[in-house]
């Protein structure tokens, strides 16, 4: 099989189209032929910095969808040919992947492989942010950073479905339409700090109830200043910078959290329930995953370059 492998950390140029032995399933594992793999900022951080345990050499990628081709000893509830998806298994930029069977979720017939792959990590992240990190509801106002990005578009839809208002931040005017289409009530075109005054104007001086912030250290302070007293700053953008912070820097008695999607799906039961909720919303037409780029797996470096440019909207996929 072929995969995208790095021997060292660095820019997109360190990604190599590499031939590797086909995986063999161990006990409790299934081998999946990857139909589509999602591209995430997490992958860029793993490639460039090696954060979260991504030591080189390694095969990149964490999410995807495909069909089961082989089963290891002790696997039940799966059959060769089943369509499945997964949300965090290192090495997903590959033609074949061995995955613990308990990490695989069934994909409904009405959802194509690309959509299934695209919604896993970002969809579960958006679900976690809107239901457990800060469970938004009617009367709440949420600020969504990168509202035209993969997480941002899904998060905007989920926040609106729960009855809350959305102030969407986008870095360029051409991204505003996508955020508006997802349901954002207000769009602020802003590529750096200084948006807090506009948020306060839009909330009658009160401030937002929650800021979902995946935009990095540059906007960290403004996100906090945009919050009402005891508001929640949900910061999930560590690969874009981690600011130095003292507790006394926090304004308005706000609450700061660093949400990790693994805490949203700590058990297989939770994984099946949460992905099932997302798939049901997609099948009902209430949640749309906007896929704006499909690249051959061998051209993964181009996908990374596109994503790092911050000019893309929605989700990018790699197709083996």
Protein backbone atom coordinates (compact mmCIF):
# COMPACT_ATOMS: atom_id res chain seq x y z
CA UNK A 1 0.00 0.00 0.00
CA UNK A 2 0.94 3.69 -0.17
CA UNK A 3 0.73 6.31 2.56
CA UNK A 4 1.81 9.88 3.33
CA UNK A 5 4.75 9.58 5.69
CA UNK A 6 7.11 12.08 7.26
CA UNK A 7 10.66 11.34 8.38
CA UNK A 8 11.06 14.69 10.14
CA UNK A 9 8.89 17.61 11.17
CA UNK A 10 8.63 20.67 8.96
CA UNK A 11 6.66 22.22 6.12
CA UNK A 12 4.51 20.45 3.53
CA UNK A 13 7.67 19.45 1.67
CA UNK A 14 8.49 16.81 4.33
CA UNK A 15 5.42 14.76 3.30
CA UNK A 16 6.36 11.74 1.19
CA UNK A 17 4.27 9.36 -0.93
CA UNK A 18 5.69 6.15 0.51
CA UNK A 19 5.16 2.46 -0.19
CA UNK A 20 4.68 0.44 3.01
CA UNK A 21 3.69 -3.17 3.80
CA UNK A 22 -0.04 -3.85 3.86
CA UNK A 23 -1.30 -3.92 7.46
CA UNK A 24 -2.40 -7.23 9.00
CA UNK A 25 -5.16 -7.08 11.61
CA UNK A 26 -4.15 -8.04 15.12
CA UNK A 27 -6.56 -9.39 17.73
CA UNK A 28 -9.53 -7.05 18.05
CA UNK A 29 -8.59 -5.10 14.93
CA UNK A 30 -10.05 -4.61 11.46
CA UNK A 31 -8.24 -3.53 8.32
CA UNK A 32 -10.08 -0.87 6.36
CA UNK A 33 -9.52 0.26 2.78
CA UNK A 34 -9.66 4.02 3.12
CA UNK A 35 -12.13 5.71 0.77
CA UNK A 36 -11.61 9.23 2.11
CA UNK A 37 -9.45 10.82 4.81
CA UNK A 38 -10.14 14.20 6.40
CA UNK A 39 -7.60 17.02 6.55
CA UNK A 40 -7.41 18.95 9.83
CA UNK A 41 -5.31 21.67 11.44
CA UNK A 42 -4.33 18.95 13.90
CA UNK A 43 -2.55 17.22 10.99
CA UNK A 44 -0.62 20.40 10.24
CA UNK A 45 0.45 20.64 13.86
CA UNK A 46 1.51 17.00 13.87
CA UNK A 47 3.52 17.50 10.67
CA UNK A 48 5.17 20.76 11.66
CA UNK A 49 5.57 20.47 15.44
CA UNK A 50 5.04 16.86 16.44
CA UNK A 51 2.60 17.86 19.17
CA UNK A 52 0.33 15.44 21.04
CA UNK A 53 2.75 12.54 20.70
CA UNK A 54 3.35 12.71 16.96
CA UNK A 55 7.00 11.73 16.86
CA UNK A 56 8.60 11.28 13.44
CA UNK A 57 8.80 9.10 11.47
CA UNK A 58 5.07 8.60 11.19
CA UNK A 59 2.12 8.42 8.82
CA UNK A 60 -0.14 11.46 9.12
CA UNK A 61 -3.92 11.70 9.39
CA UNK A 62 -6.47 10.79 12.05
CA UNK A 63 -9.94 10.42 10.51
CA UNK A 64 -11.56 8.71 7.58
CA UNK A 65 -14.13 6.34 6.16
CA UNK A 66 -13.95 3.19 4.08
CA UNK A 67 -14.76 -0.51 3.89
CA UNK A 68 -13.60 -3.39 6.08
CA UNK A 69 -11.29 -5.76 4.17
CA UNK A 70 -10.09 -8.11 6.94
CA UNK A 71 -10.87 -8.96 10.56
CA UNK A 72 -8.57 -9.98 13.37
CA UNK A 73 -9.27 -12.62 16.00
CA UNK A 74 -12.07 -11.89 18.40
CA UNK A 75 -13.82 -9.19 16.36
CA UNK A 76 -17.60 -9.39 16.49
CA UNK A 77 -20.29 -7.14 15.08
CA UNK A 78 -18.33 -6.39 11.90
CA UNK A 79 -18.10 -8.13 8.54
CA UNK A 80 -15.84 -7.78 5.53
CA UNK A 81 -17.45 -5.18 3.25
CA UNK A 82 -19.04 -3.11 6.01
CA UNK A 83 -18.83 0.66 5.60
CA UNK A 84 -17.26 2.30 8.63
CA UNK A 85 -15.73 5.57 9.82
CA UNK A 86 -13.33 6.58 12.60
CA UNK A 87 -12.44 9.86 14.25
CA UNK A 88 -8.96 9.51 15.77
CA UNK A 89 -6.62 6.81 14.51
CA UNK A 90 -3.10 7.90 13.62
CA UNK A 91 -1.97 6.90 10.15
CA UNK A 92 -5.20 7.65 8.26
CA UNK A 93 -3.41 9.21 5.26
CA UNK A 94 -3.05 5.73 3.78
CA UNK A 95 -4.68 3.33 1.36
CA UNK A 96 -5.13 0.72 4.11
CA UNK A 97 -5.35 1.12 7.88
CA UNK A 98 -5.58 -1.26 10.83
CA UNK A 99 -8.03 0.07 13.43
CA UNK A 100 -9.25 -1.37 16.74
CA UNK A 101 -12.76 -2.56 15.97
CA UNK A 102 -14.20 -0.69 18.96
CA UNK A 103 -13.14 2.62 17.33
CA UNK A 104 -15.12 2.00 14.15
CA UNK A 105 -18.67 3.26 13.72
CA UNK A 106 -21.14 2.07 11.08
CA UNK A 107 -21.95 4.50 8.28
CA UNK A 108 -25.64 4.68 7.27
CA UNK A 109 -26.50 3.93 3.66
CA UNK A 110 -27.74 7.47 3.06
CA UNK A 111 -24.37 9.05 3.87
CA UNK A 112 -21.51 8.88 1.36
CA UNK A 113 -17.92 8.09 2.32
CA UNK A 114 -16.72 11.66 1.88
CA UNK A 115 -19.35 13.11 4.18
CA UNK A 116 -18.77 10.40 6.78
CA UNK A 117 -15.02 11.04 6.79
CA UNK A 118 -15.47 14.81 6.86
CA UNK A 119 -17.84 14.92 9.82
CA UNK A 120 -16.00 12.68 12.25
CA UNK A 121 -13.35 14.77 14.05
CA UNK A 122 -14.80 18.18 13.30
CA UNK A 123 -18.39 17.07 13.87
CA UNK A 124 -17.60 15.46 17.20
CA UNK A 125 -15.61 18.55 18.18
CA UNK A 126 -18.55 20.82 17.33
CA UNK A 127 -20.90 18.51 19.22
CA UNK A 128 -18.64 18.58 22.28
CA UNK A 129 -18.33 22.36 22.22
CA UNK A 130 -22.06 23.02 21.92
CA UNK A 131 -23.44 20.35 24.28
CA UNK A 132 -20.92 19.78 27.07
CA UNK A 133 -18.21 22.46 27.01
CA UNK A 134 -20.94 25.11 27.11
CA UNK A 135 -24.44 23.74 26.45
CA UNK A 136 -25.97 26.60 24.49
CA UNK A 137 -29.68 27.21 24.54
CA UNK A 138 -32.36 29.81 23.73
CA UNK A 139 -31.32 33.30 24.72
CA UNK A 140 -27.58 32.57 24.54
CA UNK A 141 -25.19 34.29 22.16
CA UNK A 142 -22.13 32.39 20.95
CA UNK A 143 -19.13 33.82 19.16
CA UNK A 144 -17.76 31.28 16.68
CA UNK A 145 -14.22 31.85 15.44
CA UNK A 146 -13.37 30.73 11.88
CA UNK A 147 -17.08 30.42 11.24
CA UNK A 148 -16.49 29.46 7.60
CA UNK A 149 -14.03 26.69 8.47
CA UNK A 150 -14.73 23.01 8.92
CA UNK A 151 -15.51 23.13 12.65
CA UNK A 152 -17.01 26.61 12.46
CA UNK A 153 -19.65 25.76 9.87
CA UNK A 154 -20.77 22.65 11.77
CA UNK A 155 -20.66 24.44 15.11
CA UNK A 156 -22.75 27.33 13.80
CA UNK A 157 -25.42 24.91 12.61
CA UNK A 158 -25.46 22.98 15.89
CA UNK A 159 -25.63 26.16 17.99
CA UNK A 160 -28.54 27.45 15.91
CA UNK A 161 -30.30 24.07 16.17
CA UNK A 162 -30.15 24.47 19.96
CA UNK A 163 -31.88 27.86 19.75
CA UNK A 164 -28.93 30.20 20.40
CA UNK A 165 -27.64 33.15 18.38
CA UNK A 166 -24.31 33.15 16.55
CA UNK A 167 -21.83 35.92 15.89
CA UNK A 168 -19.49 34.44 13.32
CA UNK A 169 -15.92 35.65 12.81
CA UNK A 170 -14.37 35.21 9.37
CA UNK A 171 -10.97 36.37 8.15
CA UNK A 172 -12.03 37.50 4.68
CA UNK A 173 -15.11 39.03 3.11
CA UNK A 174 -15.38 36.17 0.62
CA UNK A 175 -15.93 33.75 3.50
CA UNK A 176 -18.93 35.61 4.91
CA UNK A 177 -21.48 33.98 2.61
CA UNK A 178 -20.61 30.47 3.80
CA UNK A 179 -20.99 31.46 7.47
CA UNK A 180 -24.27 33.22 6.73
CA UNK A 181 -25.57 30.18 4.87
CA UNK A 182 -24.77 28.03 7.92
CA UNK A 183 -27.06 30.26 9.99
CA UNK A 184 -24.85 32.90 11.62
CA UNK A 185 -26.96 35.88 12.72
CA UNK A 186 -24.11 38.37 12.43
CA UNK A 187 -20.81 38.17 10.55
CA UNK A 188 -17.70 40.07 11.60
CA UNK A 189 -14.91 40.16 9.03
CA UNK A 190 -11.86 40.34 11.27
CA UNK A 191 -8.45 38.69 10.92
CA UNK A 192 -6.97 39.58 14.29
CA UNK A 193 -7.74 41.04 17.72
CA UNK A 194 -9.99 44.03 18.38
CA UNK A 195 -13.42 42.55 17.65
CA UNK A 196 -14.62 42.64 21.26
CA UNK A 197 -16.26 46.07 20.97
CA UNK A 198 -18.40 44.94 18.03
CA UNK A 199 -19.47 41.85 19.97
CA UNK A 200 -20.50 44.05 22.88
CA UNK A 201 -22.43 46.34 20.56
CA UNK A 202 -24.28 43.37 19.07
CA UNK A 203 -25.16 42.07 22.55
CA UNK A 204 -26.39 45.38 23.92
CA UNK A 205 -23.22 45.88 25.97
CA UNK A 206 -23.59 42.59 27.83
CA UNK A 207 -21.06 40.45 26.03
CA UNK A 208 -21.34 36.94 24.63
CA UNK A 209 -22.20 33.92 26.77
CA UNK A 210 -19.52 31.77 25.15
CA UNK A 211 -16.67 32.20 22.70
CA UNK A 212 -15.68 29.08 20.78
CA UNK A 213 -12.11 29.94 19.89
CA UNK A 214 -9.96 27.83 17.59
CA UNK A 215 -8.02 30.78 16.19
CA UNK A 216 -4.85 30.78 18.24
CA UNK A 217 -2.95 33.08 20.55
CA UNK A 218 -3.35 36.31 18.56
CA UNK A 219 -7.06 36.66 19.34
CA UNK A 220 -6.95 35.09 22.83
CA UNK A 221 -7.36 38.33 24.81
CA UNK A 222 -10.09 39.73 22.56
CA UNK A 223 -12.10 36.53 22.94
CA UNK A 224 -12.06 36.97 26.69
CA UNK A 225 -12.91 40.66 26.58
CA UNK A 226 -15.93 39.84 24.38
CA UNK A 227 -17.52 37.73 27.14
CA UNK A 228 -20.12 38.67 29.72
CA UNK A 229 -19.28 38.19 33.40
CA UNK A 230 -18.90 34.46 34.07
CA UNK A 231 -18.95 33.75 30.35
CA UNK A 232 -17.05 30.76 28.95
CA UNK A 233 -13.95 30.94 26.77
CA UNK A 234 -13.61 27.56 25.04
CA UNK A 235 -10.10 27.55 23.59
CA UNK A 236 -9.37 24.67 21.25
CA UNK A 237 -6.63 26.12 19.00
CA UNK A 238 -3.34 25.00 20.59
CA UNK A 239 -1.58 24.33 17.28
CA UNK A 240 -1.99 28.03 16.43
CA UNK A 241 -0.30 29.17 19.61
CA UNK A 242 -0.64 28.86 23.37
CA UNK A 243 -0.47 32.19 25.21
CA UNK A 244 1.16 32.73 28.56
CA UNK A 245 -1.56 33.38 31.12
CA UNK A 246 -1.84 34.30 34.78
CA UNK A 247 -5.15 33.71 36.58
CA UNK A 248 -5.36 37.42 37.35
CA UNK A 249 -5.39 38.16 33.61
CA UNK A 250 -8.91 36.72 33.27
CA UNK A 251 -11.50 39.54 32.98
CA UNK A 252 -15.08 39.54 34.26
CA UNK A 253 -14.72 36.35 36.33
CA UNK A 254 -14.86 34.39 33.08
CA UNK A 255 -14.32 30.65 32.88
CA UNK A 256 -11.53 29.30 30.65
CA UNK A 257 -11.58 25.75 29.33
CA UNK A 258 -9.46 23.69 26.96
CA UNK A 259 -11.94 21.13 25.60
CA UNK A 260 -10.64 17.82 24.21
CA UNK A 261 -12.97 15.83 21.98
CA UNK A 262 -11.83 12.55 23.54
CA UNK A 263 -13.67 13.59 26.71
CA UNK A 264 -16.86 13.73 24.61
CA UNK A 265 -16.60 10.08 23.57
CA UNK A 266 -14.83 8.31 26.46
CA UNK A 267 -16.58 5.00 25.78
CA UNK A 268 -17.74 3.11 22.71
CA UNK A 269 -21.32 3.70 23.81
CA UNK A 270 -20.72 7.45 23.79
CA UNK A 271 -18.93 7.27 20.43
CA UNK A 272 -21.86 5.43 18.83
CA UNK A 273 -24.41 7.77 20.41
CA UNK A 274 -22.65 10.99 19.43
CA UNK A 275 -21.84 9.93 15.87
CA UNK A 276 -25.38 8.59 15.55
CA UNK A 277 -26.72 12.02 16.52
CA UNK A 278 -24.60 13.67 13.84
CA UNK A 279 -25.57 11.14 11.18
CA UNK A 280 -29.27 11.53 12.07
CA UNK A 281 -29.02 15.32 11.69
CA UNK A 282 -27.35 14.91 8.30
CA UNK A 283 -29.97 12.43 7.09
CA UNK A 284 -32.73 14.78 8.27
CA UNK A 285 -31.19 17.67 6.32
CA UNK A 286 -30.52 19.68 9.49
CA UNK A 287 -26.72 19.49 9.33
CA UNK A 288 -24.64 19.95 6.19
CA UNK A 289 -20.94 19.23 5.86
CA UNK A 290 -19.51 21.62 3.28
CA UNK A 291 -16.72 19.82 1.40
CA UNK A 292 -14.83 22.33 -0.72
CA UNK A 293 -11.71 20.43 -1.74
CA UNK A 294 -10.95 16.85 -2.75
CA UNK A 295 -7.31 15.98 -3.44
CA UNK A 296 -5.66 12.71 -4.42
CA UNK A 297 -3.92 11.22 -1.39
CA UNK A 298 -0.58 11.53 -3.18
CA UNK A 299 -1.12 15.32 -3.28
CA UNK A 300 -1.65 15.71 0.47
CA UNK A 301 1.04 18.41 0.62
CA UNK A 302 -1.10 20.61 -1.63
CA UNK A 303 -4.07 20.15 0.69
CA UNK A 304 -1.93 21.20 3.66
CA UNK A 305 -0.71 24.27 1.77
CA UNK A 306 -4.29 25.23 0.93
CA UNK A 307 -5.47 24.81 4.52
CA UNK A 308 -2.54 26.76 5.96
CA UNK A 309 -3.28 29.65 3.60
CA UNK A 310 -6.50 30.24 5.58
CA UNK A 311 -8.24 30.91 2.27
CA UNK A 312 -10.31 27.73 2.29
CA UNK A 313 -13.81 27.26 3.62
CA UNK A 314 -15.39 24.05 4.82
CA UNK A 315 -13.62 20.70 4.71
CA UNK A 316 -10.77 19.28 2.63
CA UNK A 317 -10.54 15.56 1.87
CA UNK A 318 -7.84 13.21 0.60
CA UNK A 319 -8.93 10.40 -1.72
CA UNK A 320 -6.67 7.33 -1.99
